[in-house]
PDB file of all heavy atoms in Angstrom:
ATOM      1  N   THR A   1      -2.073 -15.773  -3.784  1.00  0.00           N
ATOM      2  CA  THR A   1      -3.332 -14.956  -3.510  1.00  0.00           C
ATOM      3  C   THR A   1      -3.640 -14.067  -4.739  1.00  0.00           C
ATOM      4  O   THR A   1      -4.825 -13.941  -5.133  1.00  0.00           O
ATOM      5  CB  THR A   1      -3.069 -14.131  -2.274  1.00  0.00           C
ATOM      6  OG1 THR A   1      -2.803 -15.010  -1.165  1.00  0.00           O
ATOM      7  CG2 THR A   1      -4.347 -13.324  -1.982  1.00  0.00           C
ATOM      8  N   ALA A   2      -2.584 -13.478  -5.332  1.00  0.00           N
ATOM      9  CA  ALA A   2      -2.837 -12.560  -6.493  1.00  0.00           C
ATOM     10  C   ALA A   2      -3.397 -13.443  -7.636  1.00  0.00           C
ATOM     11  O   ALA A   2      -4.371 -12.936  -8.341  1.00  0.00           O
ATOM     12  CB  ALA A   2      -1.530 -11.996  -6.936  1.00  0.00           C
ATOM     13  N   LYS A   3      -2.901 -14.630  -7.833  1.00  0.00           N
ATOM     14  CA  LYS A   3      -3.373 -15.411  -8.938  1.00  0.00           C
ATOM     15  C   LYS A   3      -4.796 -15.873  -8.714  1.00  0.00           C
ATOM     16  O   LYS A   3      -5.672 -15.888  -9.617  1.00  0.00           O
ATOM     17  CB  LYS A   3      -2.453 -16.710  -9.100  1.00  0.00           C
ATOM     18  CG  LYS A   3      -2.865 -17.593 -10.312  1.00  0.00           C
ATOM     19  CD  LYS A   3      -2.545 -16.910 -11.612  1.00  0.00           C
ATOM     20  CE  LYS A   3      -2.810 -17.849 -12.763  1.00  0.00           C
ATOM     21  NZ  LYS A   3      -2.628 -17.204 -14.073  1.00  0.00           N
ATOM     22  N   ALA A   4      -5.111 -16.228  -7.452  1.00  0.00           N
ATOM     23  CA  ALA A   4      -6.492 -16.584  -7.130  1.00  0.00           C
ATOM     24  C   ALA A   4      -7.419 -15.408  -7.278  1.00  0.00           C
ATOM     25  O   ALA A   4      -8.656 -15.598  -7.742  1.00  0.00           O
ATOM     26  CB  ALA A   4      -6.473 -17.134  -5.653  1.00  0.00           C
ATOM     27  N   ALA A   5      -6.951 -14.258  -6.977  1.00  0.00           N
ATOM     28  CA  ALA A   5      -7.813 -13.018  -7.067  1.00  0.00           C
ATOM     29  C   ALA A   5      -8.222 -12.787  -8.556  1.00  0.00           C
ATOM     30  O   ALA A   5      -9.378 -12.530  -8.826  1.00  0.00           O
ATOM     31  CB  ALA A   5      -7.143 -11.813  -6.510  1.00  0.00           C
ATOM     32  N   VAL A   6      -7.232 -12.835  -9.463  1.00  0.00           N
ATOM     33  CA  VAL A   6      -7.573 -12.611 -10.889  1.00  0.00           C
ATOM     34  C   VAL A   6      -8.368 -13.774 -11.406  1.00  0.00           C
ATOM     35  O   VAL A   6      -9.066 -13.568 -12.491  1.00  0.00           O
ATOM     36  CB  VAL A   6      -6.300 -12.398 -11.729  1.00  0.00           C
ATOM     37  CG1 VAL A   6      -5.540 -11.213 -11.213  1.00  0.00           C
ATOM     38  CG2 VAL A   6      -5.382 -13.635 -11.767  1.00  0.00           C
ATOM     39  N   ASN A   7      -8.430 -14.865 -10.883  1.00  0.00           N
ATOM     40  CA  ASN A   7      -9.206 -16.087 -11.286  1.00  0.00           C
ATOM     41  C   ASN A   7     -10.537 -15.997 -10.719  1.00  0.00           C
ATOM     42  O   ASN A   7     -11.419 -16.965 -10.901  1.00  0.00           O
ATOM     43  CB  ASN A   7      -8.407 -17.363 -10.998  1.00  0.00           C
ATOM     44  CG  ASN A   7      -7.307 -17.591 -11.911  1.00  0.00           C
ATOM     45  OD1 ASN A   7      -7.238 -17.049 -12.996  1.00  0.00           O
ATOM     46  ND2 ASN A   7      -6.343 -18.420 -11.389  1.00  0.00           N
ATOM     47  N   GLY A   8     -10.939 -15.003  -9.842  1.00  0.00           N
ATOM     48  CA  GLY A   8     -12.274 -14.804  -9.437  1.00  0.00           C
ATOM     49  C   GLY A   8     -12.503 -15.207  -7.977  1.00  0.00           C
ATOM     50  O   GLY A   8     -13.644 -15.231  -7.538  1.00  0.00           O
ATOM     51  N   ASP A   9     -11.489 -15.611  -7.229  1.00  0.00           N
ATOM     52  CA  ASP A   9     -11.608 -15.994  -5.877  1.00  0.00           C
ATOM     53  C   ASP A   9     -11.991 -14.702  -5.014  1.00  0.00           C
ATOM     54  O   ASP A   9     -11.103 -13.835  -4.822  1.00  0.00           O
ATOM     55  CB  ASP A   9     -10.444 -16.703  -5.317  1.00  0.00           C
ATOM     56  CG  ASP A   9     -10.535 -17.258  -3.946  1.00  0.00           C
ATOM     57  OD1 ASP A   9     -11.089 -16.544  -3.067  1.00  0.00           O
ATOM     58  OD2 ASP A   9     -10.084 -18.336  -3.664  1.00  0.00           O
ATOM     59  N   LYS A  10     -13.174 -14.649  -4.530  1.00  0.00           N
ATOM     60  CA  LYS A  10     -13.600 -13.465  -3.792  1.00  0.00           C
ATOM     61  C   LYS A  10     -12.809 -13.228  -2.543  1.00  0.00           C
ATOM     62  O   LYS A  10     -12.519 -12.060  -2.130  1.00  0.00           O
ATOM     63  CB  LYS A  10     -15.087 -13.559  -3.428  1.00  0.00           C
ATOM     64  CG  LYS A  10     -16.060 -13.586  -4.641  1.00  0.00           C
ATOM     65  CD  LYS A  10     -15.953 -12.325  -5.459  1.00  0.00           C
ATOM     66  CE  LYS A  10     -16.923 -12.481  -6.664  1.00  0.00           C
ATOM     67  NZ  LYS A  10     -16.772 -11.193  -7.514  1.00  0.00           N
ATOM     68  N   ALA A  11     -12.528 -14.205  -1.761  1.00  0.00           N
ATOM     69  CA  ALA A  11     -11.748 -14.137  -0.547  1.00  0.00           C
ATOM     70  C   ALA A  11     -10.313 -13.596  -0.817  1.00  0.00           C
ATOM     71  O   ALA A  11      -9.848 -12.780  -0.104  1.00  0.00           O
ATOM     72  CB  ALA A  11     -11.683 -15.514   0.196  1.00  0.00           C
ATOM     73  N   ALA A  12      -9.747 -14.117  -1.901  1.00  0.00           N
ATOM     74  CA  ALA A  12      -8.475 -13.679  -2.262  1.00  0.00           C
ATOM     75  C   ALA A  12      -8.441 -12.194  -2.815  1.00  0.00           C
ATOM     76  O   ALA A  12      -7.550 -11.412  -2.453  1.00  0.00           O
ATOM     77  CB  ALA A  12      -7.866 -14.563  -3.409  1.00  0.00           C
ATOM     78  N   GLN A  13      -9.447 -11.849  -3.421  1.00  0.00           N
ATOM     79  CA  GLN A  13      -9.639 -10.465  -3.914  1.00  0.00           C
ATOM     80  C   GLN A  13      -9.759  -9.469  -2.694  1.00  0.00           C
ATOM     81  O   GLN A  13      -9.088  -8.433  -2.622  1.00  0.00           O
ATOM     82  CB  GLN A  13     -10.935 -10.218  -4.840  1.00  0.00           C
ATOM     83  CG  GLN A  13     -10.764 -10.977  -6.124  1.00  0.00           C
ATOM     84  CD  GLN A  13     -12.093 -11.011  -6.929  1.00  0.00           C
ATOM     85  OE1 GLN A  13     -13.089 -10.522  -6.382  1.00  0.00           O
ATOM     86  NE2 GLN A  13     -12.022 -11.576  -8.074  1.00  0.00           N
ATOM     87  N   GLU A  14     -10.536  -9.908  -1.671  1.00  0.00           N
ATOM     88  CA  GLU A  14     -10.663  -9.030  -0.521  1.00  0.00           C
ATOM     89  C   GLU A  14      -9.406  -8.949   0.299  1.00  0.00           C
ATOM     90  O   GLU A  14      -9.033  -7.912   0.822  1.00  0.00           O
ATOM     91  CB  GLU A  14     -11.756  -9.612   0.378  1.00  0.00           C
ATOM     92  CG  GLU A  14     -13.177  -9.431  -0.249  1.00  0.00           C
ATOM     93  CD  GLU A  14     -14.195 -10.126   0.679  1.00  0.00           C
ATOM     94  OE1 GLU A  14     -13.928 -10.537   1.729  1.00  0.00           O
ATOM     95  OE2 GLU A  14     -15.384 -10.136   0.260  1.00  0.00           O
ATOM     96  N   LYS A  15      -8.648 -10.049   0.307  1.00  0.00           N
ATOM     97  CA  LYS A  15      -7.362 -10.114   1.014  1.00  0.00           C
ATOM     98  C   LYS A  15      -6.296  -9.196   0.368  1.00  0.00           C
ATOM     99  O   LYS A  15      -5.620  -8.410   0.985  1.00  0.00           O
ATOM    100  CB  LYS A  15      -6.820 -11.554   1.148  1.00  0.00           C
ATOM    101  CG  LYS A  15      -5.586 -11.655   1.951  1.00  0.00           C
ATOM    102  CD  LYS A  15      -5.126 -13.183   2.074  1.00  0.00           C
ATOM    103  CE  LYS A  15      -3.838 -13.278   2.936  1.00  0.00           C
ATOM    104  NZ  LYS A  15      -3.490 -14.685   3.096  1.00  0.00           N
ATOM    105  N   LEU A  16      -6.256  -9.281  -1.000  1.00  0.00           N
ATOM    106  CA  LEU A  16      -5.344  -8.488  -1.758  1.00  0.00           C
ATOM    107  C   LEU A  16      -5.668  -7.064  -1.652  1.00  0.00           C
ATOM    108  O   LEU A  16      -4.788  -6.157  -1.493  1.00  0.00           O
ATOM    109  CB  LEU A  16      -5.243  -8.894  -3.136  1.00  0.00           C
ATOM    110  CG  LEU A  16      -4.038  -8.339  -3.967  1.00  0.00           C
ATOM    111  CD1 LEU A  16      -2.764  -8.810  -3.388  1.00  0.00           C
ATOM    112  CD2 LEU A  16      -4.184  -8.911  -5.487  1.00  0.00           C
ATOM    113  N   ALA A  17      -6.954  -6.679  -1.762  1.00  0.00           N
ATOM    114  CA  ALA A  17      -7.389  -5.344  -1.583  1.00  0.00           C
ATOM    115  C   ALA A  17      -6.967  -4.728  -0.226  1.00  0.00           C
ATOM    116  O   ALA A  17      -6.600  -3.559  -0.096  1.00  0.00           O
ATOM    117  CB  ALA A  17      -8.873  -5.251  -1.789  1.00  0.00           C
ATOM    118  N   GLU A  18      -7.182  -5.504   0.832  1.00  0.00           N
ATOM    119  CA  GLU A  18      -6.863  -5.064   2.187  1.00  0.00           C
ATOM    120  C   GLU A  18      -5.320  -4.822   2.293  1.00  0.00           C
ATOM    121  O   GLU A  18      -4.942  -3.856   2.932  1.00  0.00           O
ATOM    122  CB  GLU A  18      -7.367  -6.117   3.193  1.00  0.00           C
ATOM    123  CG  GLU A  18      -7.043  -5.742   4.679  1.00  0.00           C
ATOM    124  CD  GLU A  18      -7.457  -6.786   5.697  1.00  0.00           C
ATOM    125  OE1 GLU A  18      -7.756  -7.908   5.273  1.00  0.00           O
ATOM    126  OE2 GLU A  18      -7.287  -6.547   6.903  1.00  0.00           O
ATOM    127  N   TYR A  19      -4.518  -5.733   1.770  1.00  0.00           N
ATOM    128  CA  TYR A  19      -3.056  -5.614   1.721  1.00  0.00           C
ATOM    129  C   TYR A  19      -2.658  -4.349   1.043  1.00  0.00           C
ATOM    130  O   TYR A  19      -1.845  -3.574   1.466  1.00  0.00           O
ATOM    131  CB  TYR A  19      -2.518  -6.846   1.128  1.00  0.00           C
ATOM    132  CG  TYR A  19      -0.997  -6.651   0.790  1.00  0.00           C
ATOM    133  CD1 TYR A  19      -0.007  -6.880   1.838  1.00  0.00           C
ATOM    134  CD2 TYR A  19      -0.542  -6.415  -0.431  1.00  0.00           C
ATOM    135  CE1 TYR A  19       1.275  -6.756   1.570  1.00  0.00           C
ATOM    136  CE2 TYR A  19       0.873  -6.323  -0.687  1.00  0.00           C
ATOM    137  CZ  TYR A  19       1.677  -6.472   0.270  1.00  0.00           C
ATOM    138  OH  TYR A  19       3.046  -6.328   0.024  1.00  0.00           O
ATOM    139  N   ASN A  20      -3.282  -4.144  -0.165  1.00  0.00           N
ATOM    140  CA  ASN A  20      -3.005  -3.002  -1.011  1.00  0.00           C
ATOM    141  C   ASN A  20      -3.325  -1.680  -0.244  1.00  0.00           C
ATOM    142  O   ASN A  20      -2.524  -0.731  -0.232  1.00  0.00           O
ATOM    143  CB  ASN A  20      -3.741  -3.103  -2.307  1.00  0.00           C
ATOM    144  CG  ASN A  20      -3.232  -2.318  -3.461  1.00  0.00           C
ATOM    145  OD1 ASN A  20      -3.750  -2.299  -4.537  1.00  0.00           O
ATOM    146  ND2 ASN A  20      -2.053  -1.642  -3.188  1.00  0.00           N
ATOM    147  N   ARG A  21      -4.442  -1.686   0.389  1.00  0.00           N
ATOM    148  CA  ARG A  21      -4.839  -0.418   1.210  1.00  0.00           C
ATOM    149  C   ARG A  21      -3.988  -0.232   2.402  1.00  0.00           C
ATOM    150  O   ARG A  21      -3.594   0.938   2.665  1.00  0.00           O
ATOM    151  CB  ARG A  21      -6.282  -0.565   1.579  1.00  0.00           C
ATOM    152  CG  ARG A  21      -7.335  -0.451   0.542  1.00  0.00           C
ATOM    153  CD  ARG A  21      -8.726  -0.395   1.116  1.00  0.00           C
ATOM    154  NE  ARG A  21      -9.739  -0.180   0.080  1.00  0.00           N
ATOM    155  CZ  ARG A  21     -10.489  -1.093  -0.422  1.00  0.00           C
ATOM    156  NH1 ARG A  21     -10.423  -2.318  -0.041  1.00  0.00           N
ATOM    157  NH2 ARG A  21     -11.405  -0.751  -1.367  1.00  0.00           N
ATOM    158  N   GLY A  22      -3.526  -1.368   2.954  1.00  0.00           N
ATOM    159  CA  GLY A  22      -2.545  -1.191   4.019  1.00  0.00           C
ATOM    160  C   GLY A  22      -1.230  -0.599   3.682  1.00  0.00           C
ATOM    161  O   GLY A  22      -0.665   0.151   4.438  1.00  0.00           O
ATOM    162  N   ASP A  23      -0.830  -0.860   2.392  1.00  0.00           N
ATOM    163  CA  ASP A  23       0.425  -0.266   1.990  1.00  0.00           C
ATOM    164  C   ASP A  23       0.226   1.278   1.843  1.00  0.00           C
ATOM    165  O   ASP A  23       1.254   2.079   2.067  1.00  0.00           O
ATOM    166  CB  ASP A  23       0.732  -0.716   0.564  1.00  0.00           C
ATOM    167  CG  ASP A  23       1.584  -2.021   0.645  1.00  0.00           C
ATOM    168  OD1 ASP A  23       1.919  -2.444   1.747  1.00  0.00           O
ATOM    169  OD2 ASP A  23       1.900  -2.498  -0.426  1.00  0.00           O
ATOM    170  N   ILE A  24      -0.999   1.706   1.501  1.00  0.00           N
ATOM    171  CA  ILE A  24      -1.183   3.169   1.454  1.00  0.00           C
ATOM    172  C   ILE A  24      -1.061   3.886   2.717  1.00  0.00           C
ATOM    173  O   ILE A  24      -0.384   4.944   2.941  1.00  0.00           O
ATOM    174  CB  ILE A  24      -2.515   3.457   0.750  1.00  0.00           C
ATOM    175  CG1 ILE A  24      -2.609   2.918  -0.610  1.00  0.00           C
ATOM    176  CG2 ILE A  24      -2.900   4.982   0.819  1.00  0.00           C
ATOM    177  CD1 ILE A  24      -1.595   3.495  -1.653  1.00  0.00           C
ATOM    178  N   ILE A  25      -1.736   3.284   3.722  1.00  0.00           N
ATOM    179  CA  ILE A  25      -1.615   3.901   5.047  1.00  0.00           C
ATOM    180  C   ILE A  25      -0.295   3.917   5.605  1.00  0.00           C
ATOM    181  O   ILE A  25       0.178   4.929   6.189  1.00  0.00           O
ATOM    182  CB  ILE A  25      -2.534   3.079   6.048  1.00  0.00           C
ATOM    183  CG1 ILE A  25      -4.055   3.207   5.590  1.00  0.00           C
ATOM    184  CG2 ILE A  25      -2.421   3.485   7.523  1.00  0.00           C
ATOM    185  CD1 ILE A  25      -4.971   2.240   6.310  1.00  0.00           C
ATOM    186  N   ALA A  26       0.531   2.862   5.366  1.00  0.00           N
ATOM    187  CA  ALA A  26       1.968   2.794   5.841  1.00  0.00           C
ATOM    188  C   ALA A  26       2.775   3.702   5.093  1.00  0.00           C
ATOM    189  O   ALA A  26       3.679   4.429   5.703  1.00  0.00           O
ATOM    190  CB  ALA A  26       2.414   1.322   5.772  1.00  0.00           C
ATOM    191  N   SER A  27       2.523   3.833   3.785  1.00  0.00           N
ATOM    192  CA  SER A  27       3.418   4.662   2.939  1.00  0.00           C
ATOM    193  C   SER A  27       3.261   6.174   3.261  1.00  0.00           C
ATOM    194  O   SER A  27       4.261   6.844   3.431  1.00  0.00           O
ATOM    195  CB  SER A  27       3.120   4.452   1.452  1.00  0.00           C
ATOM    196  OG  SER A  27       3.457   3.137   1.096  1.00  0.00           O
ATOM    197  N   GLU A  28       1.984   6.576   3.510  1.00  0.00           N
ATOM    198  CA  GLU A  28       1.785   7.991   3.819  1.00  0.00           C
ATOM    199  C   GLU A  28       2.288   8.287   5.120  1.00  0.00           C
ATOM    200  O   GLU A  28       2.942   9.388   5.332  1.00  0.00           O
ATOM    201  CB  GLU A  28       0.285   8.300   3.766  1.00  0.00           C
ATOM    202  CG  GLU A  28       0.024   9.739   3.980  1.00  0.00           C
ATOM    203  CD  GLU A  28      -1.502  10.072   3.919  1.00  0.00           C
ATOM    204  OE1 GLU A  28      -2.088   9.889   2.831  1.00  0.00           O
ATOM    205  OE2 GLU A  28      -1.987  10.604   4.872  1.00  0.00           O
ATOM    206  N   ALA A  29       2.134   7.407   6.137  1.00  0.00           N
ATOM    207  CA  ALA A  29       2.679   7.653   7.484  1.00  0.00           C
ATOM    208  C   ALA A  29       4.159   7.658   7.453  1.00  0.00           C
ATOM    209  O   ALA A  29       4.811   8.519   8.101  1.00  0.00           O
ATOM    210  CB  ALA A  29       2.210   6.564   8.403  1.00  0.00           C
ATOM    211  N   LEU A  30       4.837   6.801   6.679  1.00  0.00           N
ATOM    212  CA  LEU A  30       6.261   6.838   6.624  1.00  0.00           C
ATOM    213  C   LEU A  30       6.800   8.126   5.908  1.00  0.00           C
ATOM    214  O   LEU A  30       7.807   8.689   6.319  1.00  0.00           O
ATOM    215  CB  LEU A  30       6.765   5.637   5.827  1.00  0.00           C
ATOM    216  CG  LEU A  30       8.248   5.442   5.684  1.00  0.00           C
ATOM    217  CD1 LEU A  30       8.951   5.272   7.040  1.00  0.00           C
ATOM    218  CD2 LEU A  30       8.576   4.241   4.729  1.00  0.00           C
ATOM    219  N   PHE A  31       6.072   8.546   4.827  1.00  0.00           N
ATOM    220  CA  PHE A  31       6.460   9.790   4.230  1.00  0.00           C
ATOM    221  C   PHE A  31       6.467  10.962   5.196  1.00  0.00           C
ATOM    222  O   PHE A  31       7.337  11.780   5.275  1.00  0.00           O
ATOM    223  CB  PHE A  31       5.362  10.079   3.115  1.00  0.00           C
ATOM    224  CG  PHE A  31       5.333  11.457   2.625  1.00  0.00           C
ATOM    225  CD1 PHE A  31       6.387  12.090   2.040  1.00  0.00           C
ATOM    226  CD2 PHE A  31       4.195  12.253   2.726  1.00  0.00           C
ATOM    227  CE1 PHE A  31       6.417  13.366   1.553  1.00  0.00           C
ATOM    228  CE2 PHE A  31       4.180  13.598   2.309  1.00  0.00           C
ATOM    229  CZ  PHE A  31       5.335  14.079   1.638  1.00  0.00           C
ATOM    230  N   ASP A  32       5.419  11.082   5.961  1.00  0.00           N
ATOM    231  CA  ASP A  32       5.352  12.121   7.055  1.00  0.00           C
ATOM    232  C   ASP A  32       6.557  11.964   8.001  1.00  0.00           C
ATOM    233  O   ASP A  32       7.106  12.979   8.483  1.00  0.00           O
ATOM    234  CB  ASP A  32       4.021  12.138   7.732  1.00  0.00           C
ATOM    235  CG  ASP A  32       2.910  12.831   6.997  1.00  0.00           C
ATOM    236  OD1 ASP A  32       3.223  13.751   6.209  1.00  0.00           O
ATOM    237  OD2 ASP A  32       1.705  12.435   7.240  1.00  0.00           O
ATOM    238  N   ARG A  33       6.717  10.796   8.431  1.00  0.00           N
ATOM    239  CA  ARG A  33       7.807  10.483   9.430  1.00  0.00           C
ATOM    240  C   ARG A  33       9.220  10.851   8.854  1.00  0.00           C
ATOM    241  O   ARG A  33      10.111  11.357   9.561  1.00  0.00           O
ATOM    242  CB  ARG A  33       7.771   9.017   9.804  1.00  0.00           C
ATOM    243  CG  ARG A  33       8.716   8.605  10.946  1.00  0.00           C
ATOM    244  CD  ARG A  33       8.407   9.338  12.259  1.00  0.00           C
ATOM    245  NE  ARG A  33       9.050   8.712  13.340  1.00  0.00           N
ATOM    246  CZ  ARG A  33      10.239   9.148  13.776  1.00  0.00           C
ATOM    247  NH1 ARG A  33      10.935  10.025  13.187  1.00  0.00           N
ATOM    248  NH2 ARG A  33      10.783   8.433  14.795  1.00  0.00           N
ATOM    249  N   LEU A  34       9.499  10.520   7.576  1.00  0.00           N
ATOM    250  CA  LEU A  34      10.784  10.772   7.036  1.00  0.00           C
ATOM    251  C   LEU A  34      11.000  12.204   6.368  1.00  0.00           C
ATOM    252  O   LEU A  34      12.191  12.640   6.220  1.00  0.00           O
ATOM    253  CB  LEU A  34      10.946   9.828   5.829  1.00  0.00           C
ATOM    254  CG  LEU A  34      11.176   8.341   6.203  1.00  0.00           C
ATOM    255  CD1 LEU A  34      11.308   7.433   4.996  1.00  0.00           C
ATOM    256  CD2 LEU A  34      12.483   8.126   7.041  1.00  0.00           C
ATOM    257  N   ARG A  35       9.877  12.867   6.107  1.00  0.00           N
ATOM    258  CA  ARG A  35      10.057  14.175   5.434  1.00  0.00           C
ATOM    259  C   ARG A  35      11.000  15.138   6.073  1.00  0.00           C
ATOM    260  O   ARG A  35      11.860  15.755   5.249  1.00  0.00           O
ATOM    261  CB  ARG A  35       8.640  14.742   5.220  1.00  0.00           C
ATOM    262  CG  ARG A  35       8.672  15.760   4.021  1.00  0.00           C
ATOM    263  CD  ARG A  35       7.147  16.205   3.772  1.00  0.00           C
ATOM    264  NE  ARG A  35       6.623  16.911   4.967  1.00  0.00           N
ATOM    265  CZ  ARG A  35       5.654  16.509   5.718  1.00  0.00           C
ATOM    266  NH1 ARG A  35       5.182  15.170   5.443  1.00  0.00           N
ATOM    267  NH2 ARG A  35       5.193  17.093   6.727  1.00  0.00           N
ATOM    268  N   PRO A  36      11.051  15.342   7.396  1.00  0.00           N
ATOM    269  CA  PRO A  36      11.988  16.350   7.847  1.00  0.00           C
ATOM    270  C   PRO A  36      13.478  15.919   7.586  1.00  0.00           C
ATOM    271  O   PRO A  36      14.315  16.846   7.714  1.00  0.00           O
ATOM    272  CB  PRO A  36      11.741  16.333   9.386  1.00  0.00           C
ATOM    273  CG  PRO A  36      10.263  15.865   9.454  1.00  0.00           C
ATOM    274  CD  PRO A  36      10.150  14.862   8.392  1.00  0.00           C
ATOM    275  N   TYR A  37      13.762  14.713   7.243  1.00  0.00           N
ATOM    276  CA  TYR A  37      15.170  14.302   6.991  1.00  0.00           C
ATOM    277  C   TYR A  37      15.455  14.313   5.574  1.00  0.00           C
ATOM    278  O   TYR A  37      16.628  13.992   5.227  1.00  0.00           O
ATOM    279  CB  TYR A  37      15.414  12.921   7.574  1.00  0.00           C
ATOM    280  CG  TYR A  37      14.955  12.798   9.055  1.00  0.00           C
ATOM    281  CD1 TYR A  37      13.676  12.244   9.348  1.00  0.00           C
ATOM    282  CD2 TYR A  37      15.740  13.265  10.127  1.00  0.00           C
ATOM    283  CE1 TYR A  37      13.255  12.175  10.713  1.00  0.00           C
ATOM    284  CE2 TYR A  37      15.343  13.133  11.416  1.00  0.00           C
ATOM    285  CZ  TYR A  37      14.034  12.572  11.713  1.00  0.00           C
ATOM    286  OH  TYR A  37      13.690  12.538  13.056  1.00  0.00           O
ATOM    287  N   ALA A  38      14.464  14.511   4.718  1.00  0.00           N
ATOM    288  CA  ALA A  38      14.667  14.249   3.203  1.00  0.00           C
ATOM    289  C   ALA A  38      15.328  15.505   2.658  1.00  0.00           C
ATOM    290  O   ALA A  38      15.223  16.697   3.071  1.00  0.00           O
ATOM    291  CB  ALA A  38      13.365  14.079   2.580  1.00  0.00           C
ATOM    292  N   LYS A  39      16.123  15.222   1.571  1.00  0.00           N
ATOM    293  CA  LYS A  39      16.758  16.276   0.740  1.00  0.00           C
ATOM    294  C   LYS A  39      16.206  16.229  -0.622  1.00  0.00           C
ATOM    295  O   LYS A  39      15.852  15.195  -1.139  1.00  0.00           O
ATOM    296  CB  LYS A  39      18.298  16.112   0.694  1.00  0.00           C
ATOM    297  CG  LYS A  39      18.973  15.998   2.075  1.00  0.00           C
ATOM    298  CD  LYS A  39      18.840  17.272   2.892  1.00  0.00           C
ATOM    299  CE  LYS A  39      19.682  17.115   4.263  1.00  0.00           C
ATOM    300  NZ  LYS A  39      19.473  18.322   5.105  1.00  0.00           N
ATOM    301  N   GLY A  40      16.024  17.473  -1.196  1.00  0.00           N
ATOM    302  CA  GLY A  40      15.628  17.531  -2.565  1.00  0.00           C
ATOM    303  C   GLY A  40      14.184  17.282  -2.885  1.00  0.00           C
ATOM    304  O   GLY A  40      13.849  16.830  -4.047  1.00  0.00           O
ATOM    305  N   LEU A  41      13.307  17.390  -1.868  1.00  0.00           N
ATOM    306  CA  LEU A  41      11.803  17.181  -2.157  1.00  0.00           C
ATOM    307  C   LEU A  41      11.318  18.434  -2.870  1.00  0.00           C
ATOM    308  O   LEU A  41      11.916  19.517  -2.925  1.00  0.00           O
ATOM    309  CB  LEU A  41      11.073  17.017  -0.880  1.00  0.00           C
ATOM    310  CG  LEU A  41      11.378  15.767  -0.018  1.00  0.00           C
ATOM    311  CD1 LEU A  41      10.467  15.784   1.221  1.00  0.00           C
ATOM    312  CD2 LEU A  41      11.252  14.495  -0.776  1.00  0.00           C
ATOM    313  N   PRO A  42      10.208  18.176  -3.586  1.00  0.00           N
ATOM    314  CA  PRO A  42       9.478  19.366  -4.218  1.00  0.00           C
ATOM    315  C   PRO A  42       9.211  20.469  -3.106  1.00  0.00           C
ATOM    316  O   PRO A  42       8.771  20.026  -2.083  1.00  0.00           O
ATOM    317  CB  PRO A  42       8.302  18.743  -4.783  1.00  0.00           C
ATOM    318  CG  PRO A  42       8.515  17.352  -4.993  1.00  0.00           C
ATOM    319  CD  PRO A  42       9.464  16.970  -3.885  1.00  0.00           C
ATOM    320  N   HIS A  43       9.608  21.691  -3.373  1.00  0.00           N
ATOM    321  CA  HIS A  43       9.343  22.700  -2.361  1.00  0.00           C
ATOM    322  C   HIS A  43       7.890  23.056  -2.196  1.00  0.00           C
ATOM    323  O   HIS A  43       7.266  23.454  -3.147  1.00  0.00           O
ATOM    324  CB  HIS A  43      10.085  24.035  -2.816  1.00  0.00           C
ATOM    325  CG  HIS A  43      10.357  24.958  -1.738  1.00  0.00           C
ATOM    326  ND1 HIS A  43       9.363  25.433  -0.964  1.00  0.00           N
ATOM    327  CD2 HIS A  43      11.503  25.609  -1.372  1.00  0.00           C
ATOM    328  CE1 HIS A  43       9.901  26.338  -0.038  1.00  0.00           C
ATOM    329  NE2 HIS A  43      11.160  26.407  -0.267  1.00  0.00           N
TER     330      HIS A  43
END
């Protein structure tokens, strides 16, 4: 999909963008979920 996206495939570009954005939503939510258990974070 990544190769197709850089080669101009619009459907692949949209799919990769959606996947990339999904990582952001999951990463931020996981950060909030884990933060009370974390050690050594910036104060």
